C-alpha atoms as a PDB file:
ATOM      1  CA  MET A   1       0.000   0.000   0.000  1.00  0.00           C
ATOM      2  CA  LYS A   2       1.316   3.414  -0.938  1.00  0.00           C
ATOM      3  CA  GLY A   3       1.660   5.992   1.790  1.00  0.00           C
ATOM      4  CA  LYS A   4       0.462   9.582   1.722  1.00  0.00           C
ATOM      5  CA  MET A   5       2.920  12.276   2.572  1.00  0.00           C
ATOM      6  CA  GLY A   6       2.231  15.017   5.131  1.00  0.00           C
ATOM      7  CA  VAL A   7       3.626  18.547   4.997  1.00  0.00           C
ATOM      8  CA  ILE A   8       6.774  19.001   2.897  1.00  0.00           C
ATOM      9  CA  SER A   9       9.368  20.717   5.043  1.00  0.00           C
ATOM     10  CA  ARG A  10      11.756  23.138   3.383  1.00  0.00           C
ATOM     11  CA  ASP A  11      15.293  23.762   4.511  1.00  0.00           C
ATOM     12  CA  LYS A  12      18.126  25.552   2.702  1.00  0.00           C
ATOM     13  CA  ASN A  13      20.485  22.747   3.811  1.00  0.00           C
ATOM     14  CA  GLN A  14      18.329  19.997   2.303  1.00  0.00           C
ATOM     15  CA  ILE A  15      17.148  19.281  -1.221  1.00  0.00           C
ATOM     16  CA  ASN A  16      13.755  17.604  -1.518  1.00  0.00           C
ATOM     17  CA  CYS A  17      13.215  15.803  -4.793  1.00  0.00           C
ATOM     18  CA  ILE A  18       9.823  14.480  -5.902  1.00  0.00           C
ATOM     19  CA  TYR A  19      10.143  11.992  -8.753  1.00  0.00           C
ATOM     20  CA  ALA A  20       9.047   8.610 -10.092  1.00  0.00           C
ATOM     21  CA  ASN A  21      11.948   6.153 -10.120  1.00  0.00           C
ATOM     22  CA  ASP A  22      10.808   4.149 -13.125  1.00  0.00           C
ATOM     23  CA  SER A  23      12.382   6.556 -15.633  1.00  0.00           C
ATOM     24  CA  ASP A  24      16.062   6.808 -16.575  1.00  0.00           C
ATOM     25  CA  PHE A  25      15.955  10.445 -15.504  1.00  0.00           C
ATOM     26  CA  GLY A  26      14.579   9.477 -12.099  1.00  0.00           C
ATOM     27  CA  LYS A  27      17.350   6.927 -11.634  1.00  0.00           C
ATOM     28  CA  GLN A  28      20.090   9.487 -12.409  1.00  0.00           C
ATOM     29  CA  LEU A  29      18.768  12.293 -10.238  1.00  0.00           C
ATOM     30  CA  GLU A  30      20.068  11.326  -6.832  1.00  0.00           C
ATOM     31  CA  GLY A  31      23.700  11.209  -7.930  1.00  0.00           C
ATOM     32  CA  TYR A  32      23.472  14.631  -9.478  1.00  0.00           C
ATOM     33  CA  LEU A  33      21.748  16.117  -6.442  1.00  0.00           C
ATOM     34  CA  GLU A  34      24.349  14.622  -4.088  1.00  0.00           C
ATOM     35  CA  ALA A  35      26.978  16.767  -5.816  1.00  0.00           C
ATOM     36  CA  SER A  36      25.387  19.792  -4.120  1.00  0.00           C
ATOM     37  CA  GLY A  37      26.823  18.615  -0.786  1.00  0.00           C
ATOM     38  CA  LYS A  38      23.421  19.089   0.898  1.00  0.00           C
ATOM     39  CA  GLU A  39      21.195  16.528   2.572  1.00  0.00           C
ATOM     40  CA  ILE A  40      18.914  14.863   0.009  1.00  0.00           C
ATOM     41  CA  LEU A  41      15.347  13.643   0.539  1.00  0.00           C
ATOM     42  CA  MET A  42      14.148  11.598  -2.421  1.00  0.00           C
ATOM     43  CA  ILE A  43      10.348  11.237  -2.514  1.00  0.00           C
ATOM     44  CA  ASN A  44       9.524   8.419  -4.920  1.00  0.00           C
ATOM     45  CA  LEU A  45       5.927   8.718  -6.129  1.00  0.00           C
ATOM     46  CA  ASN A  46       5.817   4.971  -6.712  1.00  0.00           C
ATOM     47  CA  LYS A  47       6.059   4.522  -2.936  1.00  0.00           C
ATOM     48  CA  THR A  48       4.798   7.757  -1.391  1.00  0.00           C
ATOM     49  CA  MET A  49       2.173   9.959  -3.047  1.00  0.00           C
ATOM     50  CA  LEU A  50       1.724  13.598  -2.168  1.00  0.00           C
ATOM     51  CA  THR A  51      -1.649  14.812  -0.958  1.00  0.00           C
ATOM     52  CA  PRO A  52      -3.909  16.875  -3.253  1.00  0.00           C
ATOM     53  CA  THR A  53      -3.132  19.924  -1.092  1.00  0.00           C
ATOM     54  CA  GLN A  54       0.620  19.407  -1.539  1.00  0.00           C
ATOM     55  CA  TRP A  55       0.223  19.081  -5.319  1.00  0.00           C
ATOM     56  CA  GLN A  56      -1.799  22.283  -5.380  1.00  0.00           C
ATOM     57  CA  ASP A  57       0.822  24.084  -3.260  1.00  0.00           C
ATOM     58  CA  LEU A  58       3.609  22.975  -5.622  1.00  0.00           C
ATOM     59  CA  ALA A  59       1.616  24.003  -8.696  1.00  0.00           C
ATOM     60  CA  THR A  60       0.954  27.393  -7.087  1.00  0.00           C
ATOM     61  CA  ASP A  61       4.670  27.811  -6.207  1.00  0.00           C
ATOM     62  CA  LEU A  62       5.558  27.119  -9.831  1.00  0.00           C
ATOM     63  CA  ASN A  63       2.652  29.131 -11.240  1.00  0.00           C
ATOM     64  CA  VAL A  64       1.356  26.202 -13.334  1.00  0.00           C
ATOM     65  CA  GLY A  65      -1.557  23.771 -13.334  1.00  0.00           C
ATOM     66  CA  ILE A  66      -1.027  20.262 -11.967  1.00  0.00           C
ATOM     67  CA  GLU A  67      -1.484  18.898 -15.502  1.00  0.00           C
ATOM     68  CA  GLN A  68       1.888  20.454 -16.425  1.00  0.00           C
ATOM     69  CA  PHE A  69       3.566  17.738 -14.323  1.00  0.00           C
ATOM     70  CA  LEU A  70       1.885  14.914 -16.244  1.00  0.00           C
ATOM     71  CA  GLU A  71       2.464  13.064 -19.508  1.00  0.00           C
ATOM     72  CA  LEU A  72      -1.184  12.214 -20.158  1.00  0.00           C
ATOM     73  CA  SER A  73      -0.387  10.427 -23.429  1.00  0.00           C
ATOM     74  CA  LYS A  74       0.891   7.527 -21.276  1.00  0.00           C
ATOM     75  CA  VAL A  75      -2.582   6.940 -19.803  1.00  0.00           C
ATOM     76  CA  GLU A  76      -5.020   4.713 -21.639  1.00  0.00           C
ATOM     77  CA  ASN A  77      -8.481   6.148 -22.283  1.00  0.00           C
ATOM     78  CA  VAL A  78      -7.462   9.713 -21.428  1.00  0.00           C
ATOM     79  CA  ASP A  79      -7.837  12.105 -24.300  1.00  0.00           C
ATOM     80  CA  LYS A  80      -5.008  14.624 -24.429  1.00  0.00           C
ATOM     81  CA  ILE A  81      -7.449  17.468 -25.054  1.00  0.00           C
ATOM     82  CA  SER A  82      -9.631  16.526 -22.083  1.00  0.00           C
ATOM     83  CA  THR A  83      -9.678  18.924 -19.190  1.00  0.00           C
ATOM     84  CA  PHE A  84     -10.034  17.827 -15.609  1.00  0.00           C
ATOM     85  CA  SER A  85     -10.171  19.471 -12.212  1.00  0.00           C
ATOM     86  CA  ALA A  86      -6.988  19.673 -10.134  1.00  0.00           C
ATOM     87  CA  ASN A  87      -8.298  16.827  -7.962  1.00  0.00           C
ATOM     88  CA  ASP A  88      -8.965  14.706 -11.069  1.00  0.00           C
ATOM     89  CA  TYR A  89      -5.358  15.192 -12.191  1.00  0.00           C
ATOM     90  CA  VAL A  90      -4.115  14.138  -8.743  1.00  0.00           C
ATOM     91  CA  THR A  91      -6.311  11.017  -8.909  1.00  0.00           C
ATOM     92  CA  ILE A  92      -4.948  10.168 -12.372  1.00  0.00           C
ATOM     93  CA  LEU A  93      -1.390  10.605 -11.048  1.00  0.00           C
ATOM     94  CA  GLU A  94      -2.082   8.496  -7.940  1.00  0.00           C
ATOM     95  CA  ASN A  95      -3.175   5.650 -10.203  1.00  0.00           C
ATOM     96  CA  ASN A  96      -0.362   6.178 -12.744  1.00  0.00           C
ATOM     97  CA  PRO A  97       2.834   7.526 -11.084  1.00  0.00           C
ATOM     98  CA  LYS A  98       4.762   6.708 -14.290  1.00  0.00           C
ATOM     99  CA  ILE A  99       3.116   9.690 -16.012  1.00  0.00           C
ATOM    100  CA  PHE A 100       4.942  12.179 -13.773  1.00  0.00           C
ATOM    101  CA  LYS A 101       7.342  14.214 -15.944  1.00  0.00           C
ATOM    102  CA  GLY A 102      10.807  14.922 -14.608  1.00  0.00           C
ATOM    103  CA  ALA A 103      11.107  15.930 -10.974  1.00  0.00           C
ATOM    104  CA  ILE A 104      10.169  18.732  -8.647  1.00  0.00           C
ATOM    105  CA  VAL A 105      13.190  19.901  -6.709  1.00  0.00           C
ATOM    106  CA  MET A 106      13.000  22.138  -3.650  1.00  0.00           C
ATOM    107  CA  ASN A 107      15.768  23.782  -1.681  1.00  0.00           C
ATOM    108  CA  GLY A 108      14.739  26.362   0.904  1.00  0.00           C
ATOM    109  CA  ASP A 109      12.493  28.835  -0.923  1.00  0.00           C
ATOM    110  CA  LYS A 110      13.545  27.614  -4.394  1.00  0.00           C
ATOM    111  CA  THR A 111      11.233  25.236  -6.253  1.00  0.00           C
ATOM    112  CA  ALA A 112      11.688  23.997  -9.814  1.00  0.00           C
ATOM    113  CA  HIS A 113      10.037  21.474 -12.110  1.00  0.00           C
ATOM    114  CA  ILE A 114      13.025  19.913 -13.858  1.00  0.00           C
ATOM    115  CA  THR A 115      12.891  17.550 -16.809  1.00  0.00           C
ATOM    116  CA  SER A 116      16.585  17.069 -17.603  1.00  0.00           C
ATOM    117  CA  VAL A 117      19.804  16.556 -15.670  1.00  0.00           C
ATOM    118  CA  THR A 118      21.196  19.714 -17.256  1.00  0.00           C
ATOM    119  CA  GLU A 119      18.412  21.710 -15.597  1.00  0.00           C
ATOM    120  CA  VAL A 120      19.341  20.179 -12.220  1.00  0.00           C
ATOM    121  CA  LEU A 121      22.939  21.300 -12.643  1.00  0.00           C
ATOM    122  CA  GLU A 122      21.972  24.789 -13.796  1.00  0.00           C
ATOM    123  CA  TYR A 123      19.309  25.364 -11.170  1.00  0.00           C
ATOM    124  CA  PHE A 124      21.482  24.483  -8.204  1.00  0.00           C
ATOM    125  CA  ASP A 125      24.804  25.609  -9.727  1.00  0.00           C
ATOM    126  CA  ILE A 126      26.200  22.103  -9.307  1.00  0.00           C
ATOM    127  CA  ASP A 127      29.629  21.517 -10.817  1.00  0.00           C
ATOM    128  CA  SER A 128      29.436  18.400 -13.014  1.00  0.00           C
ATOM    129  CA  THR A 129      33.190  17.799 -12.642  1.00  0.00           C
ATOM    130  CA  GLY A 130      32.581  16.825  -9.029  1.00  0.00           C
ATOM    131  CA  ILE A 131      30.077  14.228 -10.197  1.00  0.00           C
ATOM    132  CA  GLU A 132      32.525  12.778 -12.708  1.00  0.00           C
ATOM    133  CA  GLU A 133      35.287  12.576 -10.092  1.00  0.00           C
ATOM    134  CA  LYS A 134      32.945  10.930  -7.596  1.00  0.00           C
ATOM    135  CA  SER A 135      31.829   8.280 -10.106  1.00  0.00           C
ATOM    136  CA  HIS A 136      35.444   7.354 -10.925  1.00  0.00           C
ATOM    137  CA  SER A 137      36.578   6.943  -7.311  1.00  0.00           C
END
């Protein structure tokens, strides 16, 4: 049974990352985030789903609708041009975590919806040379 997550705490010394681990991008994220030298909290949507309120808060922080986080083409019987309420989108995501695009990364007051490793590096000013050195040692 999947758990529901309570309030998401924010701390400038910790990076919170919301992702689904069944994508290649999701599997690479943690290593890149570790290069920041901060504590990392990985929230895997396949194991722990956010509450509708948390999704709405994140969408508000990013000034987007919840549907912007989803790849609806991966859901059977959902027409791409269909429109749903925010709660409907959360329900679709709860039943299909694989449709979550990229990751939402939070550090203190910063929040970003990131869909590529390059964006992770740019957003947090992470030096990729440190990652390369770490993977070789």
